[in-house]
Amino acid sequence: MPSTKQIPDTLPKAQLLASGDMRADVIVIGSGPTGLACTIEVQKAGFKVICIDKGCLVNSLFNYPANMIFFTTPELLEIGDIPFTSANPKPNRLEALEYYRKVAEHYNLDVRQYQKVETVAGEDDNFHLTTCDRLGRVYDYSCKKVIVSTGYYDRANLLHVPGEDLPKVFHYYREPHPYFDNDVLVIGGKNSAAISALDLWRHGARVTLVHRGAKMHNHVKYWILPDIENRIKNGEITAYFRSAVKEIQPDQVTLDTPEGDVTIKNDFVFALTGYHPDYEFLRSMGIELSSEQCRPVCDPVTLESNVPGIYVAGVIVAGSRTNEIFIENGRFHGQQIASHLKFRLGTN
C-alpha cells in the first residue's frame, strides 16, 4: 500500500493504489500538452511511465478564457501523431480539451490527476516522489528518471500593491457575463489584457485599461491590436499608459499616472500581468537556474538537467522568457528525452 495519512476506513478498495502502481521507469510531472507528449514518447519507447498533475488533464488549457481561440493552426498542436481536426482555421479551447482527452484515451496513458508533487528526492535510477491529493492523502512513488513539465500558467506575476488580496481582484479571466454594467479595470498591455478588455467591453462592462508601457505591446496579435487601439481612440475603452496601479480599494482604484495620482470608481480588477514557472520547486530538486532569466541548466539536446536523471520539458526550459516556447515547439521535447532514455536505460 502507498504510505498515507488520513485514509478513511470507508474508502472503497478499488480507490486504493496497489504498491505496484507506485513504481515506474519514468514519472512525468505535469499533464499539459508537453507533459502528455513526453508521456506518449516515453511509453512508445517501451518504458513504464506515470504522469502526475496537481490539477486536471491539461489543467492550464482548462483555465484559459471560456471562448479562447488559439493563435495557431490545429496541426501545430498535435501530439503523438494523432491528427487534430477542427472546423475552424484556428481551434478553440473546447476543441483542444476534447482533442487532448482523446489522445490520452487513445494511448491509455496513466495520468494521476489532482495529486500535487510535494517532494522529489533520491538520485539517478532511484528517485522517490511524494504527492498529496485533494483529501490530504499522501502517496510515495519511485522511479528511475523524472521529467518535469510543470508549465507556468498557474503562478501569476503579482503586483505587490495594497489591496491586491481583495476578493474582487483576479489574475485570470474566464468570461464576461458577471461583469455586465460594472466598472472593470484591466491591468496589462499584451494579448491577455487586450482580448479580455475587448470581450468585457463587448458584453457591457465599463472598461479601463492601465499599462506601464507607452502603448499596447508589439506582441499583441496583428488582428487584435487595431481593434483595441480603435476602441481606445474612440473613447469606448479608457486607457492609462505609462501608468501603474498604486492601491486597490473596495470600490475604487488609485493609479500612478504621468499627470499624478488618479482615483477611479471600480468594481472588479483583472491583473493580467503574466505568469512564471515555479522556480522554487525546480530549485528544491537541485536544478540550477541561470541568474538573469532563471533558465534551468540542461543539455540542449537531451534536456537532462544538471541533476542526473531529471529532465525538463516545455516552457520551463525558457525560464522567465515564457514567450519563447509554446505547445507548437515544446511538444517535440518528448522525442528528445525519449531518445536519450533509450540510450541510458535501453528498451524493454
Protein backbone atom coordinates (compact mmCIF):
# COMPACT_ATOMS: atom_id res chain seq x y z
CA MET A 1 0.00 0.00 0.00
CA PRO A 2 1.18 3.59 -0.53
CA SER A 3 2.16 5.39 2.62
CA THR A 4 -0.76 7.57 3.63
CA LYS A 5 -2.08 9.89 6.23
CA GLN A 6 -5.79 10.17 6.86
CA ILE A 7 -7.20 7.38 4.66
CA PRO A 8 -10.88 6.95 5.56
CA ASP A 9 -11.94 3.44 6.64
CA THR A 10 -14.87 3.68 4.25
CA LEU A 11 -12.72 4.25 1.18
CA PRO A 12 -13.52 1.53 -1.42
CA LYS A 13 -10.62 -0.82 -2.05
CA ALA A 14 -10.82 -0.03 -5.76
CA GLN A 15 -9.72 3.52 -4.96
CA LEU A 16 -6.59 2.46 -3.10
CA LEU A 17 -3.49 2.27 -5.28
CA ALA A 18 -1.62 -1.01 -5.15
CA SER A 19 2.06 -0.80 -4.35
CA GLY A 20 2.98 -1.97 -7.85
CA ASP A 21 1.17 1.06 -9.28
CA MET A 22 3.52 3.39 -7.44
CA ARG A 23 6.63 2.34 -9.36
CA ALA A 24 7.61 3.31 -12.88
CA ASP A 25 10.63 3.66 -15.09
CA VAL A 26 9.79 7.33 -15.63
CA ILE A 27 7.49 9.78 -13.89
CA VAL A 28 6.35 12.89 -15.74
CA ILE A 29 5.29 15.84 -13.60
CA GLY A 30 2.64 17.86 -15.41
CA SER A 31 -0.08 16.73 -17.83
CA GLY A 32 -0.16 19.71 -20.15
CA PRO A 33 0.31 19.16 -23.90
CA THR A 34 4.09 18.88 -23.47
CA GLY A 35 3.78 16.58 -20.46
CA LEU A 36 1.39 14.35 -22.38
CA ALA A 37 3.73 14.37 -25.39
CA CYS A 38 6.60 13.28 -23.13
CA THR A 39 4.45 10.54 -21.58
CA ILE A 40 3.48 9.25 -25.01
CA GLU A 41 7.02 9.21 -26.38
CA VAL A 42 8.45 7.51 -23.30
CA GLN A 43 5.66 4.91 -23.41
CA LYS A 44 6.23 4.31 -27.13
CA ALA A 45 9.92 3.77 -26.34
CA GLY A 46 8.93 0.80 -24.20
CA PHE A 47 9.10 2.19 -20.67
CA LYS A 48 6.52 2.19 -17.93
CA VAL A 49 5.56 5.82 -17.31
CA ILE A 50 3.23 7.59 -14.90
CA CYS A 51 2.11 11.20 -15.42
CA ILE A 52 1.12 13.21 -12.33
CA ASP A 53 -0.71 16.55 -12.25
CA LYS A 54 -1.94 18.66 -9.35
CA GLY A 55 -4.98 19.63 -11.42
CA CYS A 56 -6.99 18.05 -14.20
CA LEU A 57 -5.73 16.87 -17.57
CA VAL A 58 -4.25 19.86 -19.48
CA ASN A 59 -5.15 21.99 -16.47
CA SER A 60 -3.79 25.25 -17.88
CA LEU A 61 -5.87 24.93 -21.05
CA PHE A 62 -8.93 24.24 -18.93
CA ASN A 63 -8.34 27.53 -17.11
CA TYR A 64 -8.00 29.57 -20.29
CA PRO A 65 -10.86 32.01 -21.08
CA ALA A 66 -14.01 30.08 -21.93
CA ASN A 67 -14.22 31.39 -25.51
CA MET A 68 -10.49 31.45 -26.22
CA ILE A 69 -9.30 30.79 -29.77
CA PHE A 70 -5.73 29.59 -30.32
CA PHE A 71 -3.37 31.72 -32.36
CA THR A 72 -2.17 28.73 -34.33
CA THR A 73 -3.49 26.02 -36.64
CA PRO A 74 -4.69 22.61 -35.37
CA GLU A 75 -1.81 20.61 -36.82
CA LEU A 76 0.71 22.61 -34.78
CA LEU A 77 -0.99 21.47 -31.57
CA GLU A 78 -0.84 17.77 -32.44
CA ILE A 79 0.97 15.25 -30.25
CA GLY A 80 1.53 11.52 -30.54
CA ASP A 81 0.93 11.50 -34.30
CA ILE A 82 -2.82 11.88 -33.70
CA PRO A 83 -4.50 14.32 -36.15
CA PHE A 84 -6.26 17.34 -34.64
CA THR A 85 -9.27 18.08 -36.82
CA SER A 86 -11.19 21.33 -36.47
CA ALA A 87 -13.92 23.04 -38.45
CA ASN A 88 -12.09 26.33 -37.92
CA PRO A 89 -8.76 27.64 -39.23
CA LYS A 90 -7.79 28.20 -35.59
CA PRO A 91 -9.18 25.79 -32.99
CA ASN A 92 -10.87 26.93 -29.80
CA ARG A 93 -10.42 25.90 -26.18
CA LEU A 94 -13.22 23.32 -26.16
CA GLU A 95 -11.83 21.62 -29.27
CA ALA A 96 -8.36 21.47 -27.69
CA LEU A 97 -9.70 19.95 -24.46
CA GLU A 98 -11.57 17.32 -26.46
CA TYR A 99 -8.50 16.57 -28.57
CA TYR A 100 -6.13 16.05 -25.64
CA ARG A 101 -8.68 13.89 -23.80
CA LYS A 102 -8.98 11.68 -26.87
CA VAL A 103 -5.20 11.44 -27.21
CA ALA A 104 -4.86 10.37 -23.57
CA GLU A 105 -7.58 7.75 -24.11
CA HIS A 106 -6.04 6.52 -27.37
CA TYR A 107 -2.70 5.78 -25.70
CA ASN A 108 -4.31 4.66 -22.44
CA LEU A 109 -1.98 6.97 -20.55
CA ASP A 110 -1.60 6.51 -16.81
CA VAL A 111 -2.37 10.06 -15.66
CA ARG A 112 -2.82 10.65 -11.92
CA GLN A 113 -4.93 13.82 -11.67
CA TYR A 114 -5.33 16.05 -8.63
CA GLN A 115 -2.11 14.93 -6.97
CA LYS A 116 0.42 17.61 -6.19
CA VAL A 117 4.06 16.54 -6.16
CA GLU A 118 5.43 17.77 -2.84
CA THR A 119 8.97 16.39 -2.90
CA VAL A 120 11.42 14.77 -5.30
CA ALA A 121 14.32 13.04 -3.58
CA GLY A 122 16.93 10.38 -4.28
CA GLU A 123 19.33 10.07 -7.16
CA ASP A 124 19.60 8.89 -10.74
CA ASP A 125 17.90 5.50 -11.21
CA ASN A 126 16.45 5.70 -7.68
CA PHE A 127 14.11 8.67 -7.27
CA HIS A 128 11.33 8.94 -4.70
CA LEU A 129 8.38 11.31 -5.15
CA THR A 130 5.80 12.24 -2.55
CA THR A 131 2.39 13.52 -3.66
CA CYS A 132 -0.69 14.78 -1.85
CA ASP A 133 -4.24 14.51 -3.17
CA ARG A 134 -7.30 16.70 -2.57
CA LEU A 135 -8.28 14.72 0.53
CA GLY A 136 -4.91 15.21 2.18
CA ARG A 137 -3.71 11.67 1.49
CA VAL A 138 0.00 11.25 0.82
CA TYR A 139 1.44 8.78 -1.72
CA ASP A 140 5.01 7.62 -2.29
CA TYR A 141 6.24 6.90 -5.82
CA SER A 142 9.56 5.55 -7.05
CA CYS A 143 11.15 5.72 -10.49
CA LYS A 144 14.43 5.74 -12.36
CA LYS A 145 14.00 9.04 -14.22
CA VAL A 146 11.91 12.19 -13.76
CA ILE A 147 10.62 14.58 -16.41
CA VAL A 148 9.47 17.99 -15.16
CA SER A 149 6.92 19.70 -17.41
CA THR A 150 5.04 21.91 -15.00
CA GLY A 151 4.42 24.93 -17.23
CA TYR A 152 3.89 28.37 -15.76
CA TYR A 153 0.24 29.43 -16.14
CA ASP A 154 -0.82 28.73 -12.55
CA ARG A 155 1.68 31.17 -10.99
CA ALA A 156 0.73 34.78 -11.64
CA ASN A 157 3.13 37.72 -11.53
CA LEU A 158 1.83 39.69 -8.57
CA LEU A 159 1.52 43.48 -8.42
CA HIS A 160 2.59 43.73 -4.77
CA VAL A 161 0.31 46.68 -4.10
CA PRO A 162 -2.14 47.28 -1.22
CA GLY A 163 -5.50 45.67 -1.87
CA GLU A 164 -4.29 43.01 -4.30
CA ASP A 165 -5.69 40.35 -1.97
CA LEU A 166 -9.25 41.73 -2.14
CA PRO A 167 -11.80 39.20 -3.47
CA LYS A 168 -12.62 41.48 -6.43
CA VAL A 169 -9.08 41.07 -7.84
CA PHE A 170 -8.40 38.25 -10.33
CA HIS A 171 -5.26 37.13 -12.15
CA TYR A 172 -7.18 35.02 -14.65
CA TYR A 173 -10.04 35.90 -16.98
CA ARG A 174 -12.74 33.37 -17.83
CA GLU A 175 -15.88 35.02 -19.26
CA PRO A 176 -17.58 38.45 -19.41
CA HIS A 177 -21.16 37.90 -18.20
CA PRO A 178 -20.67 38.52 -14.44
CA TYR A 179 -19.20 41.95 -15.14
CA PHE A 180 -22.03 43.44 -17.21
CA ASP A 181 -22.80 47.04 -16.17
CA ASN A 182 -19.79 47.13 -13.83
CA ASP A 183 -16.63 49.22 -13.74
CA VAL A 184 -13.75 46.90 -14.57
CA LEU A 185 -10.02 47.62 -14.58
CA VAL A 186 -7.74 45.51 -16.79
CA ILE A 187 -4.02 45.68 -16.00
CA GLY A 188 -1.56 44.75 -18.73
CA GLY A 189 -0.61 45.50 -22.31
CA LYS A 190 -0.24 42.15 -24.05
CA ASN A 191 -2.62 39.66 -25.63
CA SER A 192 -4.44 38.55 -22.49
CA ALA A 193 -5.18 42.11 -21.43
CA ALA A 194 -6.24 43.22 -24.91
CA ILE A 195 -8.51 40.23 -25.52
CA SER A 196 -10.09 40.46 -22.07
CA ALA A 197 -10.67 44.20 -22.30
CA LEU A 198 -12.37 43.83 -25.68
CA ASP A 199 -14.50 40.91 -24.52
CA LEU A 200 -15.62 42.74 -21.39
CA TRP A 201 -16.46 45.90 -23.34
CA ARG A 202 -18.42 43.99 -25.95
CA HIS A 203 -20.51 42.40 -23.20
CA GLY A 204 -21.49 45.58 -21.45
CA ALA A 205 -18.75 46.31 -18.94
CA ARG A 206 -17.25 49.79 -18.50
CA VAL A 207 -13.59 49.05 -19.10
CA THR A 208 -10.46 50.91 -18.09
CA LEU A 209 -7.05 49.60 -19.13
CA VAL A 210 -3.78 50.54 -17.44
CA HIS A 211 -0.33 49.66 -18.77
CA ARG A 212 3.14 50.75 -17.73
CA GLY A 213 4.27 50.97 -21.36
CA ALA A 214 3.73 53.87 -23.73
CA LYS A 215 1.30 51.82 -25.86
CA MET A 216 -0.01 48.30 -26.28
CA HIS A 217 2.79 45.75 -26.58
CA ASN A 218 4.11 44.87 -30.03
CA HIS A 219 3.41 41.18 -29.32
CA VAL A 220 -0.36 41.75 -29.43
CA LYS A 221 -1.66 39.72 -32.38
CA TYR A 222 -2.00 41.67 -35.62
CA TRP A 223 -5.78 41.24 -35.86
CA ILE A 224 -6.34 42.23 -32.21
CA LEU A 225 -4.05 45.28 -32.00
CA PRO A 226 -6.04 47.60 -34.30
CA ASP A 227 -9.26 46.57 -32.57
CA ILE A 228 -8.08 47.54 -29.08
CA GLU A 229 -6.34 50.68 -30.39
CA ASN A 230 -9.53 51.83 -32.12
CA ARG A 231 -11.64 51.21 -29.02
CA ILE A 232 -9.21 53.34 -27.03
CA LYS A 233 -9.08 56.05 -29.72
CA ASN A 234 -12.89 56.23 -29.80
CA GLY A 235 -13.10 56.51 -26.03
CA GLU A 236 -15.02 53.24 -25.74
CA ILE A 237 -12.25 51.83 -23.54
CA THR A 238 -10.41 54.27 -21.28
CA ALA A 239 -6.66 53.71 -21.22
CA TYR A 240 -3.85 54.98 -19.00
CA PHE A 241 -0.38 54.38 -20.45
CA ARG A 242 2.95 54.87 -18.68
CA SER A 243 0.85 54.22 -15.59
CA ALA A 244 0.58 51.68 -12.80
CA VAL A 245 -1.81 50.68 -10.05
CA LYS A 246 -0.88 52.28 -6.75
CA GLU A 247 -3.63 50.95 -4.48
CA ILE A 248 -6.81 48.88 -4.80
CA GLN A 249 -9.72 49.75 -2.53
CA PRO A 250 -13.10 48.00 -2.18
CA ASP A 251 -14.92 50.39 -4.55
CA GLN A 252 -12.13 52.31 -6.27
CA VAL A 253 -8.57 52.09 -7.58
CA THR A 254 -5.78 54.65 -7.40
CA LEU A 255 -3.45 54.89 -10.39
CA ASP A 256 0.00 56.44 -10.62
CA THR A 257 -0.07 58.31 -13.95
CA PRO A 258 2.23 60.86 -15.65
CA GLU A 259 -0.27 63.53 -14.53
CA GLY A 260 -0.21 62.37 -10.92
CA ASP A 261 -2.46 60.10 -8.89
CA VAL A 262 -5.87 59.35 -10.37
CA THR A 263 -8.63 57.60 -8.42
CA ILE A 264 -11.38 55.90 -10.40
CA LYS A 265 -14.55 54.03 -9.48
CA ASN A 266 -14.07 50.28 -9.66
CA ASP A 267 -15.96 47.03 -9.07
CA PHE A 268 -13.54 44.40 -10.37
CA VAL A 269 -9.84 44.17 -11.30
CA PHE A 270 -8.16 41.79 -13.73
CA ALA A 271 -4.41 41.88 -13.17
CA LEU A 272 -3.24 40.17 -16.37
CA THR A 273 0.45 40.86 -15.91
CA GLY A 274 1.82 37.48 -16.91
CA TYR A 275 2.89 34.29 -15.20
CA HIS A 276 6.09 32.46 -14.29
CA PRO A 277 7.33 28.90 -13.66
CA ASP A 278 7.58 27.51 -10.13
CA TYR A 279 11.26 28.29 -9.64
CA GLU A 280 11.31 27.15 -6.02
CA PHE A 281 10.04 23.70 -6.98
CA LEU A 282 12.82 23.39 -9.56
CA ARG A 283 15.43 24.51 -7.04
CA SER A 284 14.08 22.07 -4.45
CA MET A 285 15.17 19.23 -6.75
CA GLY A 286 18.66 20.69 -7.07
CA ILE A 287 18.14 22.12 -10.56
CA GLU A 288 20.32 25.16 -11.13
CA LEU A 289 18.75 28.26 -12.70
CA SER A 290 20.54 30.97 -14.64
CA SER A 291 20.94 34.21 -12.72
CA GLU A 292 19.14 36.56 -15.13
CA GLN A 293 16.38 34.55 -16.81
CA CYS A 294 16.03 31.61 -14.39
CA ARG A 295 16.56 29.10 -17.18
CA PRO A 296 17.16 25.57 -15.87
CA VAL A 297 20.67 24.36 -16.58
CA CYS A 298 20.22 21.49 -19.04
CA ASP A 299 21.68 19.81 -22.07
CA PRO A 300 20.04 21.48 -25.11
CA VAL A 301 19.87 18.18 -27.00
CA THR A 302 18.79 15.68 -24.32
CA LEU A 303 17.13 18.23 -21.97
CA GLU A 304 18.67 16.45 -18.98
CA SER A 305 19.23 18.99 -16.22
CA ASN A 306 22.33 19.40 -14.09
CA VAL A 307 20.76 16.77 -11.80
CA PRO A 308 21.43 13.40 -13.48
CA GLY A 309 18.19 11.63 -14.30
CA ILE A 310 15.94 14.71 -14.06
CA TYR A 311 14.82 16.21 -17.38
CA VAL A 312 12.98 19.46 -18.10
CA ALA A 313 10.44 19.99 -20.86
CA GLY A 314 8.11 22.64 -22.19
CA VAL A 315 8.02 26.30 -21.33
CA ILE A 316 10.07 25.94 -18.14
CA VAL A 317 13.12 25.36 -20.33
CA ALA A 318 12.94 29.06 -21.27
CA GLY A 319 12.82 30.32 -17.69
CA SER A 320 11.31 33.79 -17.48
CA ARG A 321 11.26 34.08 -21.29
CA THR A 322 7.91 32.31 -21.46
CA ASN A 323 7.21 33.70 -24.94
CA GLU A 324 9.95 31.51 -26.47
CA ILE A 325 8.36 28.09 -26.02
CA PHE A 326 4.76 27.20 -26.81
CA ILE A 327 2.85 23.99 -27.47
CA GLU A 328 3.99 24.24 -31.08
CA ASN A 329 7.68 23.65 -30.23
CA GLY A 330 7.51 22.23 -26.69
CA ARG A 331 5.59 19.20 -27.97
CA PHE A 332 8.81 17.87 -29.55
CA HIS A 333 10.69 17.77 -26.25
CA GLY A 334 9.29 14.31 -25.54
CA GLN A 335 11.07 12.89 -28.57
CA GLN A 336 14.38 14.39 -27.47
CA ILE A 337 14.06 12.98 -23.97
CA ALA A 338 12.78 9.55 -25.06
CA SER A 339 15.71 9.18 -27.44
CA HIS A 340 18.14 9.80 -24.59
CA LEU A 341 16.25 7.45 -22.25
CA LYS A 342 16.57 4.64 -24.77
CA PHE A 343 20.32 5.22 -24.77
CA ARG A 344 20.51 5.40 -20.95
CA LEU A 345 18.02 2.71 -19.97
CA GLY A 346 17.74 0.58 -23.07
CA THR A 347 14.32 -0.62 -24.21
CA ASN A 348 12.13 -3.17 -22.54
